[in-house]
């Protein structure tokens, strides 16, 4: 007796809205198996597109078929199994090697014959063609909307998507508030956190009611949509929607964003006297400094190798206190110091050179 696997798939994408839900497919296939006396050993189902290979449940089912756990597949339609050439080719190969001896669908008849394999290839090819053609039609529609100056995306804050006309229109509740905040930031008196607080005070918040994230605010400040343009695939296009601000004000916002948008904390002076002064004698890389505070409260500065060499394995792991390094530097300087009798002549030369 041939053992069957039931396989159901439903993609959440728009082009498959008309396809039966997984529950409906399972119900239909169970009834079909009961009416035709088919022995079903397991049911597989997943919500994932078949445009690209890599479906986990589908691959798991094929793996079980390869082990011999079943010899047949029961699906609603061949396009539930594959909409790409790789997955379709796997199924055809399993049929050709008799790992699959029966493939049944309520809407598709199949037998393990050469003629049936050709029909199965045609069915998979039609499913792939439908997906490719649908994608091209969608892209063509998007290009046409761009030529009309319409953005095919979710409206930014301050606007809303008009469902009837499928356009983007100003939102009466937030349009003036966003404009007010953009004008305020252009004055140069606000940082990102400052404008975040202002937006929150006027009621411009995220989905959870909390202040907008700084990344979202920065996206608002750099979005050309607000001066009547929009960006699509790295290119800026003229929009047909109502602009919120003038291009001049948008440019002022960009200047303010550079000057005040990302304030950085200035570190105080480290007061490391010999930082950048010496290099390691083993690997030749720079010497760095660290400040350590003992339990007694005394502070000490230590110098060590940075160990940044990727080609030389540095064996120098010792730390050197700043007082010891200072004495070493003094001793070295004394060895190369100039004689006292040269001092007057050198000072005269230096004075003349000024």
C-alpha atoms as a PDB file:
ATOM      1  CA  UNK A   1       0.000   0.000   0.000  1.00  0.00           C
ATOM      2  CA  UNK A   2       1.278   3.448  -0.936  1.00  0.00           C
ATOM      3  CA  UNK A   3       1.840   5.761   2.010  1.00  0.00           C
ATOM      4  CA  UNK A   4       1.038   9.454   1.521  1.00  0.00           C
ATOM      5  CA  UNK A   5       2.160  12.718   3.037  1.00  0.00           C
ATOM      6  CA  UNK A   6      -0.287  15.632   2.991  1.00  0.00           C
ATOM      7  CA  UNK A   7       1.429  18.923   2.240  1.00  0.00           C
ATOM      8  CA  UNK A   8      -0.318  22.300   2.634  1.00  0.00           C
ATOM      9  CA  UNK A   9       1.199  25.728   2.084  1.00  0.00           C
ATOM     10  CA  UNK A  10      -0.159  29.238   2.272  1.00  0.00           C
ATOM     11  CA  UNK A  11       1.890  32.324   1.545  1.00  0.00           C
ATOM     12  CA  UNK A  12       1.027  35.544   3.341  1.00  0.00           C
ATOM     13  CA  UNK A  13       1.860  37.590   0.251  1.00  0.00           C
ATOM     14  CA  UNK A  14      -0.784  39.506  -1.671  1.00  0.00           C
ATOM     15  CA  UNK A  15      -0.713  37.407  -4.843  1.00  0.00           C
ATOM     16  CA  UNK A  16      -1.895  34.337  -2.923  1.00  0.00           C
ATOM     17  CA  UNK A  17      -4.829  35.860  -1.079  1.00  0.00           C
ATOM     18  CA  UNK A  18      -7.216  33.843  -3.254  1.00  0.00           C
ATOM     19  CA  UNK A  19      -5.623  30.520  -2.247  1.00  0.00           C
ATOM     20  CA  UNK A  20      -7.430  28.438   0.363  1.00  0.00           C
ATOM     21  CA  UNK A  21      -6.208  28.747   3.934  1.00  0.00           C
ATOM     22  CA  UNK A  22      -4.175  25.903   5.425  1.00  0.00           C
ATOM     23  CA  UNK A  23      -7.180  24.764   7.463  1.00  0.00           C
ATOM     24  CA  UNK A  24      -9.347  24.666   4.324  1.00  0.00           C
ATOM     25  CA  UNK A  25      -6.677  22.778   2.371  1.00  0.00           C
ATOM     26  CA  UNK A  26      -6.305  20.223   5.158  1.00  0.00           C
ATOM     27  CA  UNK A  27     -10.070  19.693   5.299  1.00  0.00           C
ATOM     28  CA  UNK A  28     -10.359  19.231   1.517  1.00  0.00           C
ATOM     29  CA  UNK A  29      -7.372  16.882   1.321  1.00  0.00           C
ATOM     30  CA  UNK A  30      -8.541  14.760   4.254  1.00  0.00           C
ATOM     31  CA  UNK A  31     -11.922  14.357   2.577  1.00  0.00           C
ATOM     32  CA  UNK A  32     -10.230  13.551  -0.742  1.00  0.00           C
ATOM     33  CA  UNK A  33      -8.031  10.911   0.926  1.00  0.00           C
ATOM     34  CA  UNK A  34     -11.070   9.390   2.672  1.00  0.00           C
ATOM     35  CA  UNK A  35     -13.128   9.224  -0.512  1.00  0.00           C
ATOM     36  CA  UNK A  36     -10.296   7.627  -2.510  1.00  0.00           C
ATOM     37  CA  UNK A  37      -9.050   5.277   0.196  1.00  0.00           C
ATOM     38  CA  UNK A  38      -5.571   6.859   0.465  1.00  0.00           C
ATOM     39  CA  UNK A  39      -3.381   5.933   3.431  1.00  0.00           C
ATOM     40  CA  UNK A  40      -2.047   9.200   4.933  1.00  0.00           C
ATOM     41  CA  UNK A  41       0.768   8.756   7.458  1.00  0.00           C
ATOM     42  CA  UNK A  42       1.600  12.385   8.196  1.00  0.00           C
ATOM     43  CA  UNK A  43       0.523  15.957   7.488  1.00  0.00           C
ATOM     44  CA  UNK A  44       2.925  18.801   6.729  1.00  0.00           C
ATOM     45  CA  UNK A  45       1.948  22.460   6.525  1.00  0.00           C
ATOM     46  CA  UNK A  46       3.702  25.840   6.606  1.00  0.00           C
ATOM     47  CA  UNK A  47       3.063  29.507   5.874  1.00  0.00           C
ATOM     48  CA  UNK A  48       5.883  30.493   3.561  1.00  0.00           C
ATOM     49  CA  UNK A  49       6.332  31.626  -0.015  1.00  0.00           C
ATOM     50  CA  UNK A  50       7.572  29.107  -2.587  1.00  0.00           C
ATOM     51  CA  UNK A  51       9.223  31.710  -4.816  1.00  0.00           C
ATOM     52  CA  UNK A  52      12.627  30.867  -3.376  1.00  0.00           C
ATOM     53  CA  UNK A  53      14.030  27.482  -2.253  1.00  0.00           C
ATOM     54  CA  UNK A  54      14.699  26.893   1.414  1.00  0.00           C
ATOM     55  CA  UNK A  55      11.344  25.970   2.992  1.00  0.00           C
ATOM     56  CA  UNK A  56      12.165  24.006   6.154  1.00  0.00           C
ATOM     57  CA  UNK A  57       8.968  21.922   6.328  1.00  0.00           C
ATOM     58  CA  UNK A  58       9.017  21.129   2.601  1.00  0.00           C
ATOM     59  CA  UNK A  59      12.660  19.998   2.788  1.00  0.00           C
ATOM     60  CA  UNK A  60      11.884  17.919   5.890  1.00  0.00           C
ATOM     61  CA  UNK A  61       9.087  16.155   3.980  1.00  0.00           C
ATOM     62  CA  UNK A  62      11.375  15.395   1.028  1.00  0.00           C
ATOM     63  CA  UNK A  63      13.963  14.057   3.457  1.00  0.00           C
ATOM     64  CA  UNK A  64      11.420  11.620   4.911  1.00  0.00           C
ATOM     65  CA  UNK A  65      10.394  10.540   1.402  1.00  0.00           C
ATOM     66  CA  UNK A  66      14.043   9.900   0.571  1.00  0.00           C
ATOM     67  CA  UNK A  67      14.241   7.644   3.651  1.00  0.00           C
ATOM     68  CA  UNK A  68      11.227   5.693   2.377  1.00  0.00           C
ATOM     69  CA  UNK A  69       8.748   6.849   5.029  1.00  0.00           C
ATOM     70  CA  UNK A  70       6.195   7.552   2.264  1.00  0.00           C
ATOM     71  CA  UNK A  71       5.940   7.144  -1.497  1.00  0.00           C
ATOM     72  CA  UNK A  72       3.253   9.684  -2.347  1.00  0.00           C
ATOM     73  CA  UNK A  73       2.282  13.318  -1.817  1.00  0.00           C
ATOM     74  CA  UNK A  74      -1.212  14.704  -1.526  1.00  0.00           C
ATOM     75  CA  UNK A  75      -1.440  18.478  -2.182  1.00  0.00           C
ATOM     76  CA  UNK A  76      -4.169  20.897  -3.173  1.00  0.00           C
ATOM     77  CA  UNK A  77      -2.342  21.916  -6.365  1.00  0.00           C
ATOM     78  CA  UNK A  78       1.183  21.458  -7.800  1.00  0.00           C
ATOM     79  CA  UNK A  79       1.892  25.169  -7.192  1.00  0.00           C
ATOM     80  CA  UNK A  80       1.581  24.435  -3.432  1.00  0.00           C
ATOM     81  CA  UNK A  81       4.693  22.284  -3.779  1.00  0.00           C
ATOM     82  CA  UNK A  82       6.897  24.592  -5.846  1.00  0.00           C
ATOM     83  CA  UNK A  83       7.012  27.955  -7.568  1.00  0.00           C
ATOM     84  CA  UNK A  84      10.737  27.819  -8.296  1.00  0.00           C
ATOM     85  CA  UNK A  85      12.811  25.582 -10.545  1.00  0.00           C
ATOM     86  CA  UNK A  86      14.952  24.051  -7.757  1.00  0.00           C
ATOM     87  CA  UNK A  87      12.099  22.684  -5.628  1.00  0.00           C
ATOM     88  CA  UNK A  88      10.147  21.675  -8.726  1.00  0.00           C
ATOM     89  CA  UNK A  89      13.222  19.866 -10.021  1.00  0.00           C
ATOM     90  CA  UNK A  90      13.583  17.956  -6.737  1.00  0.00           C
ATOM     91  CA  UNK A  91      10.020  16.663  -6.948  1.00  0.00           C
ATOM     92  CA  UNK A  92      10.456  15.639 -10.603  1.00  0.00           C
ATOM     93  CA  UNK A  93      13.770  13.919  -9.762  1.00  0.00           C
ATOM     94  CA  UNK A  94      12.099  11.973  -6.939  1.00  0.00           C
ATOM     95  CA  UNK A  95       9.386  10.898  -9.391  1.00  0.00           C
ATOM     96  CA  UNK A  96      12.017   9.907 -11.953  1.00  0.00           C
ATOM     97  CA  UNK A  97      13.901   7.784  -9.373  1.00  0.00           C
ATOM     98  CA  UNK A  98      10.615   6.260  -8.090  1.00  0.00           C
ATOM     99  CA  UNK A  99      11.002   7.702  -4.621  1.00  0.00           C
ATOM    100  CA  UNK A 100       7.621   9.309  -5.364  1.00  0.00           C
ATOM    101  CA  UNK A 101       5.289   6.924  -7.173  1.00  0.00           C
ATOM    102  CA  UNK A 102       2.064   8.876  -6.642  1.00  0.00           C
ATOM    103  CA  UNK A 103       1.284  12.576  -6.625  1.00  0.00           C
ATOM    104  CA  UNK A 104      -2.366  13.428  -6.186  1.00  0.00           C
ATOM    105  CA  UNK A 105      -4.253  16.717  -6.179  1.00  0.00           C
ATOM    106  CA  UNK A 106      -8.024  17.353  -6.251  1.00  0.00           C
ATOM    107  CA  UNK A 107      -7.378  19.705  -9.185  1.00  0.00           C
ATOM    108  CA  UNK A 108      -4.536  17.798 -10.910  1.00  0.00           C
ATOM    109  CA  UNK A 109      -4.268  14.189 -12.111  1.00  0.00           C
ATOM    110  CA  UNK A 110      -0.891  12.444 -12.184  1.00  0.00           C
ATOM    111  CA  UNK A 111       0.533   8.978 -12.837  1.00  0.00           C
ATOM    112  CA  UNK A 112       4.171   7.861 -12.748  1.00  0.00           C
ATOM    113  CA  UNK A 113       4.602   7.778 -16.528  1.00  0.00           C
ATOM    114  CA  UNK A 114       6.906   9.775 -18.850  1.00  0.00           C
ATOM    115  CA  UNK A 115       3.905  11.677 -20.226  1.00  0.00           C
ATOM    116  CA  UNK A 116       2.769  12.546 -16.713  1.00  0.00           C
ATOM    117  CA  UNK A 117       6.261  13.785 -15.826  1.00  0.00           C
ATOM    118  CA  UNK A 118       6.100  16.183 -18.769  1.00  0.00           C
ATOM    119  CA  UNK A 119       2.715  17.450 -17.544  1.00  0.00           C
ATOM    120  CA  UNK A 120       4.143  17.860 -14.026  1.00  0.00           C
ATOM    121  CA  UNK A 121       7.053  19.879 -15.436  1.00  0.00           C
ATOM    122  CA  UNK A 122       4.562  22.052 -17.306  1.00  0.00           C
ATOM    123  CA  UNK A 123       2.520  22.572 -14.126  1.00  0.00           C
ATOM    124  CA  UNK A 124       5.608  23.660 -12.166  1.00  0.00           C
ATOM    125  CA  UNK A 125       6.700  25.862 -15.080  1.00  0.00           C
ATOM    126  CA  UNK A 126       3.279  27.534 -15.170  1.00  0.00           C
ATOM    127  CA  UNK A 127       3.470  28.197 -11.425  1.00  0.00           C
ATOM    128  CA  UNK A 128       6.915  29.809 -11.810  1.00  0.00           C
ATOM    129  CA  UNK A 129       5.755  31.806 -14.842  1.00  0.00           C
ATOM    130  CA  UNK A 130       2.753  33.085 -12.906  1.00  0.00           C
ATOM    131  CA  UNK A 131       4.992  34.273 -10.050  1.00  0.00           C
ATOM    132  CA  UNK A 132       7.554  35.894 -12.372  1.00  0.00           C
ATOM    133  CA  UNK A 133       4.879  37.546 -14.487  1.00  0.00           C
ATOM    134  CA  UNK A 134       3.034  38.809 -11.427  1.00  0.00           C
ATOM    135  CA  UNK A 135       6.242  40.304 -10.033  1.00  0.00           C
ATOM    136  CA  UNK A 136       6.917  42.080 -13.338  1.00  0.00           C
ATOM    137  CA  UNK A 137       3.376  43.458 -13.378  1.00  0.00           C
ATOM    138  CA  UNK A 138       3.772  44.751  -9.826  1.00  0.00           C
ATOM    139  CA  UNK A 139       7.103  46.414 -10.657  1.00  0.00           C
ATOM    140  CA  UNK A 140       5.594  47.951 -13.797  1.00  0.00           C
ATOM    141  CA  UNK A 141       2.762  49.366 -11.694  1.00  0.00           C
ATOM    142  CA  UNK A 142       5.257  50.817  -9.207  1.00  0.00           C
ATOM    143  CA  UNK A 143       7.257  52.437 -12.019  1.00  0.00           C
ATOM    144  CA  UNK A 144       4.073  53.970 -13.407  1.00  0.00           C
ATOM    145  CA  UNK A 145       3.186  55.379  -9.974  1.00  0.00           C
ATOM    146  CA  UNK A 146       6.685  56.859  -9.670  1.00  0.00           C
ATOM    147  CA  UNK A 147       6.265  58.572 -13.048  1.00  0.00           C
ATOM    148  CA  UNK A 148       3.049  60.099 -11.686  1.00  0.00           C
ATOM    149  CA  UNK A 149       4.931  61.257  -8.593  1.00  0.00           C
ATOM    150  CA  UNK A 150       3.260  58.785  -6.216  1.00  0.00           C
ATOM    151  CA  UNK A 151       5.147  56.897  -3.517  1.00  0.00           C
ATOM    152  CA  UNK A 152       4.191  53.215  -3.161  1.00  0.00           C
ATOM    153  CA  UNK A 153       4.948  52.909   0.531  1.00  0.00           C
ATOM    154  CA  UNK A 154       3.608  53.689   3.969  1.00  0.00           C
ATOM    155  CA  UNK A 155       3.059  57.395   4.480  1.00  0.00           C
ATOM    156  CA  UNK A 156       5.562  59.110   6.804  1.00  0.00           C
ATOM    157  CA  UNK A 157       4.385  60.726  10.010  1.00  0.00           C
ATOM    158  CA  UNK A 158       2.325  63.829   9.223  1.00  0.00           C
ATOM    159  CA  UNK A 159       0.623  62.102   6.271  1.00  0.00           C
ATOM    160  CA  UNK A 160      -1.686  59.118   5.778  1.00  0.00           C
ATOM    161  CA  UNK A 161      -2.441  56.636   3.000  1.00  0.00           C
ATOM    162  CA  UNK A 162      -5.785  57.489   1.374  1.00  0.00           C
ATOM    163  CA  UNK A 163      -7.314  54.033   0.730  1.00  0.00           C
ATOM    164  CA  UNK A 164      -9.867  55.050  -1.900  1.00  0.00           C
ATOM    165  CA  UNK A 165      -7.596  57.070  -4.189  1.00  0.00           C
ATOM    166  CA  UNK A 166      -4.441  55.217  -3.073  1.00  0.00           C
ATOM    167  CA  UNK A 167      -2.593  58.469  -2.587  1.00  0.00           C
ATOM    168  CA  UNK A 168      -0.734  60.032   0.334  1.00  0.00           C
ATOM    169  CA  UNK A 169      -2.498  63.011   1.899  1.00  0.00           C
ATOM    170  CA  UNK A 170      -1.728  65.359   4.835  1.00  0.00           C
ATOM    171  CA  UNK A 171      -2.954  64.100   8.201  1.00  0.00           C
ATOM    172  CA  UNK A 172      -5.012  66.818   9.880  1.00  0.00           C
ATOM    173  CA  UNK A 173      -4.001  65.608  13.343  1.00  0.00           C
ATOM    174  CA  UNK A 174      -0.227  65.554  12.896  1.00  0.00           C
ATOM    175  CA  UNK A 175       0.639  67.627   9.789  1.00  0.00           C
ATOM    176  CA  UNK A 176       1.043  70.977  11.585  1.00  0.00           C
ATOM    177  CA  UNK A 177       2.771  69.379  14.575  1.00  0.00           C
ATOM    178  CA  UNK A 178       5.465  67.795  12.413  1.00  0.00           C
ATOM    179  CA  UNK A 179       5.914  71.041  10.490  1.00  0.00           C
ATOM    180  CA  UNK A 180       6.324  72.954  13.746  1.00  0.00           C
ATOM    181  CA  UNK A 181       9.022  70.519  14.929  1.00  0.00           C
ATOM    182  CA  UNK A 182      10.888  70.667  11.608  1.00  0.00           C
ATOM    183  CA  UNK A 183      10.922  74.469  11.735  1.00  0.00           C
ATOM    184  CA  UNK A 184      12.132  74.358  15.336  1.00  0.00           C
ATOM    185  CA  UNK A 185      15.016  72.020  14.512  1.00  0.00           C
ATOM    186  CA  UNK A 186      16.036  74.177  11.529  1.00  0.00           C
ATOM    187  CA  UNK A 187      16.646  77.058  13.975  1.00  0.00           C
ATOM    188  CA  UNK A 188      19.718  75.209  15.243  1.00  0.00           C
ATOM    189  CA  UNK A 189      18.612  75.399  18.877  1.00  0.00           C
ATOM    190  CA  UNK A 190      17.753  71.709  19.259  1.00  0.00           C
ATOM    191  CA  UNK A 191      19.713  68.478  19.417  1.00  0.00           C
ATOM    192  CA  UNK A 192      18.144  65.143  18.457  1.00  0.00           C
ATOM    193  CA  UNK A 193      17.210  64.476  22.083  1.00  0.00           C
ATOM    194  CA  UNK A 194      15.870  68.003  22.404  1.00  0.00           C
ATOM    195  CA  UNK A 195      13.597  67.686  19.362  1.00  0.00           C
ATOM    196  CA  UNK A 196      12.592  64.241  20.627  1.00  0.00           C
ATOM    197  CA  UNK A 197      11.264  65.845  23.826  1.00  0.00           C
ATOM    198  CA  UNK A 198       9.478  68.545  21.833  1.00  0.00           C
ATOM    199  CA  UNK A 199       7.816  65.977  19.566  1.00  0.00           C
ATOM    200  CA  UNK A 200       6.662  64.035  22.599  1.00  0.00           C
ATOM    201  CA  UNK A 201       5.263  67.191  24.190  1.00  0.00           C
ATOM    202  CA  UNK A 202       3.074  67.931  21.146  1.00  0.00           C
ATOM    203  CA  UNK A 203       1.841  64.347  20.897  1.00  0.00           C
ATOM    204  CA  UNK A 204       4.106  62.880  18.215  1.00  0.00           C
ATOM    205  CA  UNK A 205       4.806  59.450  19.676  1.00  0.00           C
ATOM    206  CA  UNK A 206       5.505  55.892  18.541  1.00  0.00           C
ATOM    207  CA  UNK A 207       3.027  53.035  18.280  1.00  0.00           C
ATOM    208  CA  UNK A 208       3.447  52.192  21.975  1.00  0.00           C
ATOM    209  CA  UNK A 209       2.845  55.775  23.093  1.00  0.00           C
ATOM    210  CA  UNK A 210       6.501  56.288  23.993  1.00  0.00           C
ATOM    211  CA  UNK A 211       8.788  58.959  22.477  1.00  0.00           C
ATOM    212  CA  UNK A 212       9.985  58.305  18.942  1.00  0.00           C
ATOM    213  CA  UNK A 213      13.363  56.619  18.660  1.00  0.00           C
ATOM    214  CA  UNK A 214      16.267  58.887  17.743  1.00  0.00           C
ATOM    215  CA  UNK A 215      16.843  56.849  14.573  1.00  0.00           C
ATOM    216  CA  UNK A 216      13.225  57.484  13.528  1.00  0.00           C
ATOM    217  CA  UNK A 217      13.588  61.202  14.220  1.00  0.00           C
ATOM    218  CA  UNK A 218      16.789  61.360  12.182  1.00  0.00           C
ATOM    219  CA  UNK A 219      14.951  59.620   9.315  1.00  0.00           C
ATOM    220  CA  UNK A 220      12.198  62.262   9.524  1.00  0.00           C
ATOM    221  CA  UNK A 221      14.747  65.084   9.429  1.00  0.00           C
ATOM    222  CA  UNK A 222      16.459  63.650   6.333  1.00  0.00           C
ATOM    223  CA  UNK A 223      13.326  62.524   4.451  1.00  0.00           C
ATOM    224  CA  UNK A 224      12.914  64.527   1.182  1.00  0.00           C
ATOM    225  CA  UNK A 225       9.187  63.649   1.220  1.00  0.00           C
ATOM    226  CA  UNK A 226       8.551  66.667   3.435  1.00  0.00           C
ATOM    227  CA  UNK A 227       9.677  69.166   0.761  1.00  0.00           C
ATOM    228  CA  UNK A 228       7.734  67.472  -2.039  1.00  0.00           C
ATOM    229  CA  UNK A 229      10.100  64.745  -3.255  1.00  0.00           C
ATOM    230  CA  UNK A 230      10.587  61.084  -2.381  1.00  0.00           C
ATOM    231  CA  UNK A 231      13.380  58.539  -2.547  1.00  0.00           C
ATOM    232  CA  UNK A 232      13.072  55.205  -4.353  1.00  0.00           C
ATOM    233  CA  UNK A 233      15.991  52.807  -4.791  1.00  0.00           C
ATOM    234  CA  UNK A 234      18.552  55.484  -4.069  1.00  0.00           C
ATOM    235  CA  UNK A 235      17.072  58.057  -6.482  1.00  0.00           C
ATOM    236  CA  UNK A 236      15.072  61.162  -5.598  1.00  0.00           C
ATOM    237  CA  UNK A 237      11.867  61.771  -7.586  1.00  0.00           C
ATOM    238  CA  UNK A 238       9.476  64.703  -7.715  1.00  0.00           C
ATOM    239  CA  UNK A 239       6.296  63.881  -5.825  1.00  0.00           C
ATOM    240  CA  UNK A 240       2.722  64.902  -6.556  1.00  0.00           C
ATOM    241  CA  UNK A 241       1.785  65.163  -2.856  1.00  0.00           C
ATOM    242  CA  UNK A 242       1.460  68.375  -0.870  1.00  0.00           C
ATOM    243  CA  UNK A 243       4.864  69.426   0.527  1.00  0.00           C
ATOM    244  CA  UNK A 244       5.124  70.292   4.202  1.00  0.00           C
ATOM    245  CA  UNK A 245       8.158  72.594   4.049  1.00  0.00           C
ATOM    246  CA  UNK A 246      10.253  74.419   1.455  1.00  0.00           C
ATOM    247  CA  UNK A 247      13.514  73.021   0.095  1.00  0.00           C
ATOM    248  CA  UNK A 248      15.404  75.917   1.705  1.00  0.00           C
ATOM    249  CA  UNK A 249      14.127  74.938   5.146  1.00  0.00           C
ATOM    250  CA  UNK A 250      15.048  71.294   4.458  1.00  0.00           C
ATOM    251  CA  UNK A 251      18.633  72.366   3.672  1.00  0.00           C
ATOM    252  CA  UNK A 252      18.759  74.340   6.920  1.00  0.00           C
ATOM    253  CA  UNK A 253      17.643  71.201   8.772  1.00  0.00           C
ATOM    254  CA  UNK A 254      20.550  69.235   7.241  1.00  0.00           C
ATOM    255  CA  UNK A 255      23.015  71.907   8.402  1.00  0.00           C
ATOM    256  CA  UNK A 256      21.542  71.869  11.906  1.00  0.00           C
ATOM    257  CA  UNK A 257      21.688  68.074  11.908  1.00  0.00           C
ATOM    258  CA  UNK A 258      25.423  68.134  11.225  1.00  0.00           C
ATOM    259  CA  UNK A 259      26.072  70.787  13.864  1.00  0.00           C
ATOM    260  CA  UNK A 260      23.717  69.657  16.642  1.00  0.00           C
ATOM    261  CA  UNK A 261      22.348  66.289  15.607  1.00  0.00           C
ATOM    262  CA  UNK A 262      24.921  64.026  17.192  1.00  0.00           C
ATOM    263  CA  UNK A 263      26.700  65.793  20.046  1.00  0.00           C
ATOM    264  CA  UNK A 264      29.678  63.842  21.288  1.00  0.00           C
ATOM    265  CA  UNK A 265      30.931  63.852  24.827  1.00  0.00           C
ATOM    266  CA  UNK A 266      34.336  65.432  25.070  1.00  0.00           C
ATOM    267  CA  UNK A 267      36.742  63.475  27.145  1.00  0.00           C
ATOM    268  CA  UNK A 268      38.859  65.344  29.616  1.00  0.00           C
ATOM    269  CA  UNK A 269      42.656  65.335  29.368  1.00  0.00           C
ATOM    270  CA  UNK A 270      44.172  62.013  30.383  1.00  0.00           C
ATOM    271  CA  UNK A 271      47.451  63.622  31.492  1.00  0.00           C
ATOM    272  CA  UNK A 272      49.497  60.641  30.356  1.00  0.00           C
ATOM    273  CA  UNK A 273      52.923  62.272  29.947  1.00  0.00           C
ATOM    274  CA  UNK A 274      54.445  59.597  27.716  1.00  0.00           C
ATOM    275  CA  UNK A 275      51.425  58.529  25.670  1.00  0.00           C
ATOM    276  CA  UNK A 276      52.514  58.188  22.028  1.00  0.00           C
ATOM    277  CA  UNK A 277      56.122  58.650  23.062  1.00  0.00           C
ATOM    278  CA  UNK A 278      57.552  55.115  22.870  1.00  0.00           C
ATOM    279  CA  UNK A 279      57.037  51.787  21.109  1.00  0.00           C
ATOM    280  CA  UNK A 280      57.411  48.200  22.262  1.00  0.00           C
ATOM    281  CA  UNK A 281      60.924  46.792  21.885  1.00  0.00           C
ATOM    282  CA  UNK A 282      59.609  43.332  20.949  1.00  0.00           C
ATOM    283  CA  UNK A 283      56.845  43.918  18.379  1.00  0.00           C
ATOM    284  CA  UNK A 284      57.366  47.614  17.578  1.00  0.00           C
ATOM    285  CA  UNK A 285      53.756  48.626  18.284  1.00  0.00           C
ATOM    286  CA  UNK A 286      52.691  51.611  20.360  1.00  0.00           C
ATOM    287  CA  UNK A 287      52.849  51.786  24.145  1.00  0.00           C
ATOM    288  CA  UNK A 288      49.560  52.637  25.875  1.00  0.00           C
ATOM    289  CA  UNK A 289      48.836  53.903  29.381  1.00  0.00           C
ATOM    290  CA  UNK A 290      46.347  52.958  32.097  1.00  0.00           C
ATOM    291  CA  UNK A 291      45.373  54.618  35.365  1.00  0.00           C
ATOM    292  CA  UNK A 292      44.850  52.308  38.346  1.00  0.00           C
ATOM    293  CA  UNK A 293      43.456  53.212  41.758  1.00  0.00           C
ATOM    294  CA  UNK A 294      44.608  51.119  44.689  1.00  0.00           C
ATOM    295  CA  UNK A 295      42.419  50.216  47.662  1.00  0.00           C
ATOM    296  CA  UNK A 296      44.280  52.825  49.668  1.00  0.00           C
ATOM    297  CA  UNK A 297      43.075  55.504  47.241  1.00  0.00           C
ATOM    298  CA  UNK A 298      46.495  56.122  45.670  1.00  0.00           C
ATOM    299  CA  UNK A 299      46.523  56.541  41.896  1.00  0.00           C
ATOM    300  CA  UNK A 300      49.249  55.098  39.676  1.00  0.00           C
ATOM    301  CA  UNK A 301      49.843  55.258  35.940  1.00  0.00           C
ATOM    302  CA  UNK A 302      51.223  52.209  34.158  1.00  0.00           C
ATOM    303  CA  UNK A 303      52.533  51.802  30.604  1.00  0.00           C
ATOM    304  CA  UNK A 304      52.335  48.588  28.570  1.00  0.00           C
ATOM    305  CA  UNK A 305      52.368  47.236  25.007  1.00  0.00           C
ATOM    306  CA  UNK A 306      49.050  47.410  23.090  1.00  0.00           C
ATOM    307  CA  UNK A 307      49.608  43.908  21.607  1.00  0.00           C
ATOM    308  CA  UNK A 308      47.941  44.941  18.335  1.00  0.00           C
ATOM    309  CA  UNK A 309      50.317  43.097  16.038  1.00  0.00           C
ATOM    310  CA  UNK A 310      48.623  40.303  14.068  1.00  0.00           C
ATOM    311  CA  UNK A 311      51.849  38.977  12.579  1.00  0.00           C
ATOM    312  CA  UNK A 312      54.254  39.156  15.548  1.00  0.00           C
ATOM    313  CA  UNK A 313      53.523  37.331  18.793  1.00  0.00           C
ATOM    314  CA  UNK A 314      54.580  39.855  21.448  1.00  0.00           C
ATOM    315  CA  UNK A 315      55.999  38.290  24.610  1.00  0.00           C
ATOM    316  CA  UNK A 316      56.201  41.567  26.553  1.00  0.00           C
ATOM    317  CA  UNK A 317      53.500  41.412  29.255  1.00  0.00           C
ATOM    318  CA  UNK A 318      55.046  43.601  31.944  1.00  0.00           C
ATOM    319  CA  UNK A 319      53.650  46.928  33.194  1.00  0.00           C
ATOM    320  CA  UNK A 320      55.935  49.892  33.853  1.00  0.00           C
ATOM    321  CA  UNK A 321      55.069  52.584  36.392  1.00  0.00           C
ATOM    322  CA  UNK A 322      55.266  56.159  35.144  1.00  0.00           C
ATOM    323  CA  UNK A 323      57.822  57.114  37.834  1.00  0.00           C
ATOM    324  CA  UNK A 324      60.183  54.364  36.645  1.00  0.00           C
ATOM    325  CA  UNK A 325      59.716  55.330  33.004  1.00  0.00           C
ATOM    326  CA  UNK A 326      60.410  58.975  33.899  1.00  0.00           C
ATOM    327  CA  UNK A 327      63.774  58.047  35.439  1.00  0.00           C
ATOM    328  CA  UNK A 328      64.663  55.967  32.379  1.00  0.00           C
ATOM    329  CA  UNK A 329      63.849  58.872  30.055  1.00  0.00           C
ATOM    330  CA  UNK A 330      65.950  61.270  32.201  1.00  0.00           C
ATOM    331  CA  UNK A 331      68.929  58.938  32.075  1.00  0.00           C
ATOM    332  CA  UNK A 332      68.673  58.577  28.300  1.00  0.00           C
ATOM    333  CA  UNK A 333      68.378  62.328  27.820  1.00  0.00           C
ATOM    334  CA  UNK A 334      71.460  62.987  29.927  1.00  0.00           C
ATOM    335  CA  UNK A 335      73.491  60.731  27.624  1.00  0.00           C
ATOM    336  CA  UNK A 336      72.671  62.885  24.605  1.00  0.00           C
ATOM    337  CA  UNK A 337      72.621  66.311  26.314  1.00  0.00           C
ATOM    338  CA  UNK A 338      74.749  69.138  24.895  1.00  0.00           C
ATOM    339  CA  UNK A 339      77.872  70.405  26.695  1.00  0.00           C
ATOM    340  CA  UNK A 340      77.442  73.609  28.754  1.00  0.00           C
ATOM    341  CA  UNK A 341      80.085  75.460  26.711  1.00  0.00           C
ATOM    342  CA  UNK A 342      77.882  75.148  23.605  1.00  0.00           C
ATOM    343  CA  UNK A 343      74.891  76.710  25.330  1.00  0.00           C
ATOM    344  CA  UNK A 344      75.570  80.409  24.704  1.00  0.00           C
ATOM    345  CA  UNK A 345      76.337  79.976  21.012  1.00  0.00           C
ATOM    346  CA  UNK A 346      73.223  77.843  20.404  1.00  0.00           C
ATOM    347  CA  UNK A 347      71.002  80.355  22.221  1.00  0.00           C
ATOM    348  CA  UNK A 348      72.373  83.131  19.991  1.00  0.00           C
ATOM    349  CA  UNK A 349      71.596  81.107  16.876  1.00  0.00           C
ATOM    350  CA  UNK A 350      68.039  80.400  18.111  1.00  0.00           C
ATOM    351  CA  UNK A 351      67.486  84.091  18.883  1.00  0.00           C
ATOM    352  CA  UNK A 352      68.705  85.085  15.432  1.00  0.00           C
ATOM    353  CA  UNK A 353      66.459  82.524  13.744  1.00  0.00           C
ATOM    354  CA  UNK A 354      63.345  83.998  15.368  1.00  0.00           C
END
